[in-house]
Amino acid sequence: MIGRIRGKLVHKQAPDILVEVGGVGYELQVPMTTLFQLPALGSEVSLVTHFVVREDAQLLYGFIDERDRMLFRQLIKVSGVGPKLGLTILSGMDARSFVRCVQRDDISSLIALPGVGKKTAERLLVEMRDKLKGWLVGADSAQEQAEGGAPMTPVSDIVADAEGALISLGYKPQEATRMVTAVNEDSVVDSEELIRRALKSMAKA
């Protein structure tokens, strides 16, 4: 099993990234909470990973925080929650926010996530309550974004990248366009910021 990757970040296009290790490029899928904390392209990055082997694919998921990987592994044990949905949940909220949802029986915040219906949300609240007992989730860098010196990207590309990332997380194209349009302002300088704002707007809805 591949448990950790450390190498040069050579590509990131939510939710996929490429990390080069010793001349070999490893493709990983990461939640938005990890993507927002990645360094600039060309920088060294270290991620804890979860390796999934299926009959038709071998998939590697990466997390910048061990706590997020622990939560991901607990999530995919819940009936009806696979790796894709687990990644979507961790993209819509960090570990601290998810634990708070479970503690407060906040079903509405879970239903707001794409792919999470009422039955799945209820199952998550019931099955995760015992698994998360004793979790101490601090309010640290889960929502911080690593700053990089990347060149400015055309606004049209920023919007397209943001919409594409939201669609890959399970939102419908029309919904992704609506979400991005609602939060797109002149102060937005990259697609990651636009994605973050769109996800936050859905969490508050």
C-alpha atoms as a PDB file:
ATOM      1  CA  MET A   1       0.000   0.000   0.000  1.00  0.00           C
ATOM      2  CA  ILE A   2       1.178   3.532  -0.795  1.00  0.00           C
ATOM      3  CA  GLY A   3       0.860   5.515   2.422  1.00  0.00           C
ATOM      4  CA  ARG A   4       2.739   8.724   1.659  1.00  0.00           C
ATOM      5  CA  ILE A   5       3.945  10.654  -1.376  1.00  0.00           C
ATOM      6  CA  ARG A   6       6.641  13.313  -1.329  1.00  0.00           C
ATOM      7  CA  GLY A   7       7.868  14.975  -4.464  1.00  0.00           C
ATOM      8  CA  LYS A   8       7.481  17.912  -6.826  1.00  0.00           C
ATOM      9  CA  LEU A   9       3.998  19.215  -7.579  1.00  0.00           C
ATOM     10  CA  VAL A  10       3.884  19.488 -11.355  1.00  0.00           C
ATOM     11  CA  HIS A  11       0.153  19.784 -12.086  1.00  0.00           C
ATOM     12  CA  LYS A  12      -3.078  20.588 -10.296  1.00  0.00           C
ATOM     13  CA  GLN A  13      -6.506  20.757 -11.856  1.00  0.00           C
ATOM     14  CA  ALA A  14      -9.185  20.073  -9.267  1.00  0.00           C
ATOM     15  CA  PRO A  15      -9.657  17.414  -8.099  1.00  0.00           C
ATOM     16  CA  ASP A  16      -6.577  15.884  -9.810  1.00  0.00           C
ATOM     17  CA  ILE A  17      -2.926  16.599  -9.118  1.00  0.00           C
ATOM     18  CA  LEU A  18       0.343  15.116 -10.366  1.00  0.00           C
ATOM     19  CA  VAL A  19       3.342  14.633  -8.081  1.00  0.00           C
ATOM     20  CA  GLU A  20       6.717  13.674  -9.578  1.00  0.00           C
ATOM     21  CA  VAL A  21       8.818  11.350  -7.429  1.00  0.00           C
ATOM     22  CA  GLY A  22      12.169  10.196  -8.770  1.00  0.00           C
ATOM     23  CA  GLY A  23      11.130  10.769 -12.364  1.00  0.00           C
ATOM     24  CA  VAL A  24       7.780   8.972 -11.931  1.00  0.00           C
ATOM     25  CA  GLY A  25       4.559  10.985 -11.983  1.00  0.00           C
ATOM     26  CA  TYR A  26       1.856   9.875  -9.539  1.00  0.00           C
ATOM     27  CA  GLU A  27      -1.732  10.911 -10.262  1.00  0.00           C
ATOM     28  CA  LEU A  28      -3.783  11.631  -7.152  1.00  0.00           C
ATOM     29  CA  GLN A  29      -7.247  12.896  -6.449  1.00  0.00           C
ATOM     30  CA  VAL A  30      -7.512  15.313  -3.535  1.00  0.00           C
ATOM     31  CA  PRO A  31     -10.378  17.078  -1.751  1.00  0.00           C
ATOM     32  CA  MET A  32     -10.654  20.840  -2.088  1.00  0.00           C
ATOM     33  CA  THR A  33      -9.582  21.264   1.525  1.00  0.00           C
ATOM     34  CA  THR A  34      -6.220  19.792   0.518  1.00  0.00           C
ATOM     35  CA  LEU A  35      -6.041  21.545  -2.857  1.00  0.00           C
ATOM     36  CA  PHE A  36      -6.345  24.958  -1.207  1.00  0.00           C
ATOM     37  CA  GLN A  37      -3.283  24.239   0.934  1.00  0.00           C
ATOM     38  CA  LEU A  38      -0.988  22.994  -1.822  1.00  0.00           C
ATOM     39  CA  PRO A  39       2.122  25.033  -2.631  1.00  0.00           C
ATOM     40  CA  ALA A  40       2.877  26.601  -6.009  1.00  0.00           C
ATOM     41  CA  LEU A  41       3.670  24.348  -8.965  1.00  0.00           C
ATOM     42  CA  GLY A  42       7.282  23.217  -8.914  1.00  0.00           C
ATOM     43  CA  SER A  43       7.410  23.163  -5.108  1.00  0.00           C
ATOM     44  CA  GLU A  44       7.910  20.073  -2.987  1.00  0.00           C
ATOM     45  CA  VAL A  45       4.767  18.626  -1.453  1.00  0.00           C
ATOM     46  CA  SER A  46       4.165  15.803   1.009  1.00  0.00           C
ATOM     47  CA  LEU A  47       0.810  14.050   1.206  1.00  0.00           C
ATOM     48  CA  VAL A  48      -0.548  11.105   3.143  1.00  0.00           C
ATOM     49  CA  THR A  49      -2.428   8.801   0.800  1.00  0.00           C
ATOM     50  CA  HIS A  50      -5.107   6.145   0.562  1.00  0.00           C
ATOM     51  CA  PHE A  51      -4.724   3.542  -2.187  1.00  0.00           C
ATOM     52  CA  VAL A  52      -7.794   1.900  -3.714  1.00  0.00           C
ATOM     53  CA  VAL A  53      -7.526  -1.118  -6.018  1.00  0.00           C
ATOM     54  CA  ARG A  54     -10.534  -2.036  -8.161  1.00  0.00           C
ATOM     55  CA  GLU A  55     -10.972  -4.478 -10.991  1.00  0.00           C
ATOM     56  CA  ASP A  56     -10.916  -1.658 -13.533  1.00  0.00           C
ATOM     57  CA  ALA A  57      -8.653   0.913 -11.859  1.00  0.00           C
ATOM     58  CA  GLN A  58      -6.044   1.716  -9.239  1.00  0.00           C
ATOM     59  CA  LEU A  59      -6.777   5.044  -7.545  1.00  0.00           C
ATOM     60  CA  LEU A  60      -4.640   7.110  -5.218  1.00  0.00           C
ATOM     61  CA  TYR A  61      -6.215   9.725  -2.951  1.00  0.00           C
ATOM     62  CA  GLY A  62      -4.084  12.365  -1.256  1.00  0.00           C
ATOM     63  CA  PHE A  63      -4.533  14.438   1.893  1.00  0.00           C
ATOM     64  CA  ILE A  64      -2.339  17.136   3.359  1.00  0.00           C
ATOM     65  CA  ASP A  65      -3.652  16.365   6.848  1.00  0.00           C
ATOM     66  CA  GLU A  66      -3.572  12.940   8.525  1.00  0.00           C
ATOM     67  CA  ARG A  67      -6.841  13.824  10.215  1.00  0.00           C
ATOM     68  CA  ASP A  68      -8.585  14.206   6.850  1.00  0.00           C
ATOM     69  CA  ARG A  69      -7.324  10.797   5.716  1.00  0.00           C
ATOM     70  CA  MET A  70      -8.612   9.242   8.931  1.00  0.00           C
ATOM     71  CA  LEU A  71     -12.027  10.783   8.347  1.00  0.00           C
ATOM     72  CA  PHE A  72     -12.006   9.688   4.688  1.00  0.00           C
ATOM     73  CA  ARG A  73     -11.297   6.105   5.733  1.00  0.00           C
ATOM     74  CA  GLN A  74     -14.161   6.185   8.207  1.00  0.00           C
ATOM     75  CA  LEU A  75     -16.524   7.710   5.659  1.00  0.00           C
ATOM     76  CA  ILE A  76     -15.974   5.045   3.005  1.00  0.00           C
ATOM     77  CA  LYS A  77     -16.879   2.366   5.557  1.00  0.00           C
ATOM     78  CA  VAL A  78     -20.394   3.792   5.725  1.00  0.00           C
ATOM     79  CA  SER A  79     -22.885   1.921   3.547  1.00  0.00           C
ATOM     80  CA  GLY A  80     -23.515   3.820   0.312  1.00  0.00           C
ATOM     81  CA  VAL A  81     -20.450   6.063   0.650  1.00  0.00           C
ATOM     82  CA  GLY A  82     -17.633   5.268  -1.756  1.00  0.00           C
ATOM     83  CA  PRO A  83     -14.324   7.076  -2.297  1.00  0.00           C
ATOM     84  CA  LYS A  84     -15.848   9.563  -4.764  1.00  0.00           C
ATOM     85  CA  LEU A  85     -18.562  10.652  -2.352  1.00  0.00           C
ATOM     86  CA  GLY A  86     -16.080  10.665   0.523  1.00  0.00           C
ATOM     87  CA  LEU A  87     -13.896  13.051  -1.480  1.00  0.00           C
ATOM     88  CA  THR A  88     -16.920  15.236  -2.234  1.00  0.00           C
ATOM     89  CA  ILE A  89     -17.839  15.446   1.451  1.00  0.00           C
ATOM     90  CA  LEU A  90     -14.304  16.467   2.408  1.00  0.00           C
ATOM     91  CA  SER A  91     -14.333  19.039  -0.397  1.00  0.00           C
ATOM     92  CA  GLY A  92     -17.488  20.661   0.912  1.00  0.00           C
ATOM     93  CA  MET A  93     -16.332  20.816   4.532  1.00  0.00           C
ATOM     94  CA  ASP A  94     -13.180  20.142   6.491  1.00  0.00           C
ATOM     95  CA  ALA A  95     -12.890  17.524   9.233  1.00  0.00           C
ATOM     96  CA  ARG A  96     -13.704  20.037  11.970  1.00  0.00           C
ATOM     97  CA  SER A  97     -16.921  21.117  10.227  1.00  0.00           C
ATOM     98  CA  PHE A  98     -17.982  17.524   9.587  1.00  0.00           C
ATOM     99  CA  VAL A  99     -17.494  16.550  13.222  1.00  0.00           C
ATOM    100  CA  ARG A 100     -19.546  19.582  14.228  1.00  0.00           C
ATOM    101  CA  CYS A 101     -22.339  18.488  11.858  1.00  0.00           C
ATOM    102  CA  VAL A 102     -22.423  15.042  13.455  1.00  0.00           C
ATOM    103  CA  GLN A 103     -22.357  16.432  16.984  1.00  0.00           C
ATOM    104  CA  ARG A 104     -25.252  18.782  16.211  1.00  0.00           C
ATOM    105  CA  ASP A 105     -27.222  16.349  14.015  1.00  0.00           C
ATOM    106  CA  ASP A 106     -26.973  18.990  11.298  1.00  0.00           C
ATOM    107  CA  ILE A 107     -28.556  17.054   8.467  1.00  0.00           C
ATOM    108  CA  SER A 108     -29.242  20.141   6.325  1.00  0.00           C
ATOM    109  CA  SER A 109     -25.533  20.923   5.826  1.00  0.00           C
ATOM    110  CA  LEU A 110     -24.895  17.350   4.681  1.00  0.00           C
ATOM    111  CA  ILE A 111     -27.822  17.324   2.271  1.00  0.00           C
ATOM    112  CA  ALA A 112     -26.452  20.509   0.688  1.00  0.00           C
ATOM    113  CA  LEU A 113     -23.473  18.492  -0.586  1.00  0.00           C
ATOM    114  CA  PRO A 114     -23.833  16.951  -4.079  1.00  0.00           C
ATOM    115  CA  GLY A 115     -24.662  13.268  -4.029  1.00  0.00           C
ATOM    116  CA  VAL A 116     -25.777  13.279  -0.388  1.00  0.00           C
ATOM    117  CA  GLY A 117     -29.491  12.600  -0.122  1.00  0.00           C
ATOM    118  CA  LYS A 118     -31.561  12.569   3.043  1.00  0.00           C
ATOM    119  CA  LYS A 119     -31.130   8.831   3.642  1.00  0.00           C
ATOM    120  CA  THR A 120     -27.367   8.989   3.157  1.00  0.00           C
ATOM    121  CA  ALA A 121     -27.132  12.011   5.460  1.00  0.00           C
ATOM    122  CA  GLU A 122     -29.151  10.231   8.153  1.00  0.00           C
ATOM    123  CA  ARG A 123     -26.927   7.153   7.798  1.00  0.00           C
ATOM    124  CA  LEU A 124     -23.811   9.301   8.117  1.00  0.00           C
ATOM    125  CA  LEU A 125     -25.073  10.930  11.303  1.00  0.00           C
ATOM    126  CA  VAL A 126     -25.941   7.595  12.886  1.00  0.00           C
ATOM    127  CA  GLU A 127     -22.885   5.573  11.848  1.00  0.00           C
ATOM    128  CA  MET A 128     -20.287   8.305  12.266  1.00  0.00           C
ATOM    129  CA  ARG A 129     -21.427   9.418  15.727  1.00  0.00           C
ATOM    130  CA  ASP A 130     -19.703   6.540  17.523  1.00  0.00           C
ATOM    131  CA  LYS A 131     -16.691   6.534  15.206  1.00  0.00           C
ATOM    132  CA  LEU A 132     -15.963  10.189  15.891  1.00  0.00           C
ATOM    133  CA  LYS A 133     -16.157  10.040  19.670  1.00  0.00           C
ATOM    134  CA  GLY A 134     -13.025  11.478  21.202  1.00  0.00           C
ATOM    135  CA  TRP A 135     -11.980  13.345  18.076  1.00  0.00           C
ATOM    136  CA  LEU A 136     -10.219  16.569  18.925  1.00  0.00           C
ATOM    137  CA  VAL A 137     -10.382  18.664  15.813  1.00  0.00           C
ATOM    138  CA  GLY A 138      -8.637  22.002  16.180  1.00  0.00           C
ATOM    139  CA  ALA A 139      -9.405  25.160  14.294  1.00  0.00           C
ATOM    140  CA  ASP A 140      -6.050  25.326  12.550  1.00  0.00           C
ATOM    141  CA  SER A 141      -4.964  25.430   8.941  1.00  0.00           C
ATOM    142  CA  ALA A 142      -7.744  23.339   7.409  1.00  0.00           C
ATOM    143  CA  GLN A 143      -9.196  26.360   5.677  1.00  0.00           C
ATOM    144  CA  GLU A 144      -5.968  28.212   4.937  1.00  0.00           C
ATOM    145  CA  GLN A 145      -4.663  28.579   1.414  1.00  0.00           C
ATOM    146  CA  ALA A 146      -0.996  28.377   0.508  1.00  0.00           C
ATOM    147  CA  GLU A 147       0.027  31.497  -1.368  1.00  0.00           C
ATOM    148  CA  GLY A 148       1.971  31.138  -4.588  1.00  0.00           C
ATOM    149  CA  GLY A 149       3.409  33.443  -7.186  1.00  0.00           C
ATOM    150  CA  ALA A 150       1.559  32.024 -10.153  1.00  0.00           C
ATOM    151  CA  PRO A 151       0.902  34.360 -13.096  1.00  0.00           C
ATOM    152  CA  MET A 152      -2.532  35.866 -13.562  1.00  0.00           C
ATOM    153  CA  THR A 153      -4.998  33.622 -15.379  1.00  0.00           C
ATOM    154  CA  PRO A 154      -7.608  34.990 -17.809  1.00  0.00           C
ATOM    155  CA  VAL A 155     -11.007  35.402 -16.152  1.00  0.00           C
ATOM    156  CA  SER A 156     -12.664  33.083 -18.680  1.00  0.00           C
ATOM    157  CA  ASP A 157     -10.190  30.300 -17.797  1.00  0.00           C
ATOM    158  CA  ILE A 158     -10.688  30.859 -14.072  1.00  0.00           C
ATOM    159  CA  VAL A 159     -14.453  30.503 -14.439  1.00  0.00           C
ATOM    160  CA  ALA A 160     -14.164  27.445 -16.686  1.00  0.00           C
ATOM    161  CA  ASP A 161     -11.739  25.736 -14.299  1.00  0.00           C
ATOM    162  CA  ALA A 162     -13.980  26.448 -11.310  1.00  0.00           C
ATOM    163  CA  GLU A 163     -17.090  25.163 -13.051  1.00  0.00           C
ATOM    164  CA  GLY A 164     -15.239  22.043 -14.216  1.00  0.00           C
ATOM    165  CA  ALA A 165     -14.059  21.308 -10.688  1.00  0.00           C
ATOM    166  CA  LEU A 166     -17.556  21.652  -9.256  1.00  0.00           C
ATOM    167  CA  ILE A 167     -18.973  19.367 -11.956  1.00  0.00           C
ATOM    168  CA  SER A 168     -16.304  16.773 -11.130  1.00  0.00           C
ATOM    169  CA  LEU A 169     -17.498  16.907  -7.515  1.00  0.00           C
ATOM    170  CA  GLY A 170     -21.020  15.966  -8.557  1.00  0.00           C
ATOM    171  CA  TYR A 171     -22.786  19.263  -9.213  1.00  0.00           C
ATOM    172  CA  LYS A 172     -24.819  19.550 -12.405  1.00  0.00           C
ATOM    173  CA  PRO A 173     -23.399  21.872 -15.097  1.00  0.00           C
ATOM    174  CA  GLN A 174     -26.229  24.398 -14.732  1.00  0.00           C
ATOM    175  CA  GLU A 175     -25.842  24.357 -10.945  1.00  0.00           C
ATOM    176  CA  ALA A 176     -22.066  24.792 -11.172  1.00  0.00           C
ATOM    177  CA  THR A 177     -22.500  27.786 -13.480  1.00  0.00           C
ATOM    178  CA  ARG A 178     -25.050  29.350 -11.128  1.00  0.00           C
ATOM    179  CA  MET A 179     -22.800  28.827  -8.089  1.00  0.00           C
ATOM    180  CA  VAL A 180     -19.760  30.357  -9.779  1.00  0.00           C
ATOM    181  CA  THR A 181     -21.695  33.305 -11.198  1.00  0.00           C
ATOM    182  CA  ALA A 182     -23.133  34.126  -7.780  1.00  0.00           C
ATOM    183  CA  VAL A 183     -19.714  34.535  -6.144  1.00  0.00           C
ATOM    184  CA  ASN A 184     -17.582  35.739  -9.059  1.00  0.00           C
ATOM    185  CA  GLU A 185     -16.200  39.181  -8.199  1.00  0.00           C
ATOM    186  CA  ASP A 186     -13.335  41.358  -9.380  1.00  0.00           C
ATOM    187  CA  SER A 187     -11.355  40.393  -6.269  1.00  0.00           C
ATOM    188  CA  VAL A 188     -11.149  36.751  -7.383  1.00  0.00           C
ATOM    189  CA  VAL A 189      -7.694  36.070  -8.811  1.00  0.00           C
ATOM    190  CA  ASP A 190      -7.732  32.303  -9.379  1.00  0.00           C
ATOM    191  CA  SER A 191     -10.051  29.329  -9.757  1.00  0.00           C
ATOM    192  CA  GLU A 192      -9.243  27.939  -6.306  1.00  0.00           C
ATOM    193  CA  GLU A 193     -10.586  31.076  -4.639  1.00  0.00           C
ATOM    194  CA  LEU A 194     -13.685  30.925  -6.823  1.00  0.00           C
ATOM    195  CA  ILE A 195     -14.266  27.266  -5.924  1.00  0.00           C
ATOM    196  CA  ARG A 196     -13.847  28.006  -2.227  1.00  0.00           C
ATOM    197  CA  ARG A 197     -16.377  30.839  -2.360  1.00  0.00           C
ATOM    198  CA  ALA A 198     -18.862  28.723  -4.291  1.00  0.00           C
ATOM    199  CA  LEU A 199     -18.624  25.847  -1.795  1.00  0.00           C
ATOM    200  CA  LYS A 200     -18.962  28.226   1.147  1.00  0.00           C
ATOM    201  CA  SER A 201     -22.069  29.787  -0.400  1.00  0.00           C
ATOM    202  CA  MET A 202     -23.659  26.334  -0.679  1.00  0.00           C
ATOM    203  CA  ALA A 203     -22.791  25.532   2.950  1.00  0.00           C
ATOM    204  CA  LYS A 204     -24.585  28.699   4.066  1.00  0.00           C
ATOM    205  CA  ALA A 205     -27.613  28.082   1.865  1.00  0.00           C
END
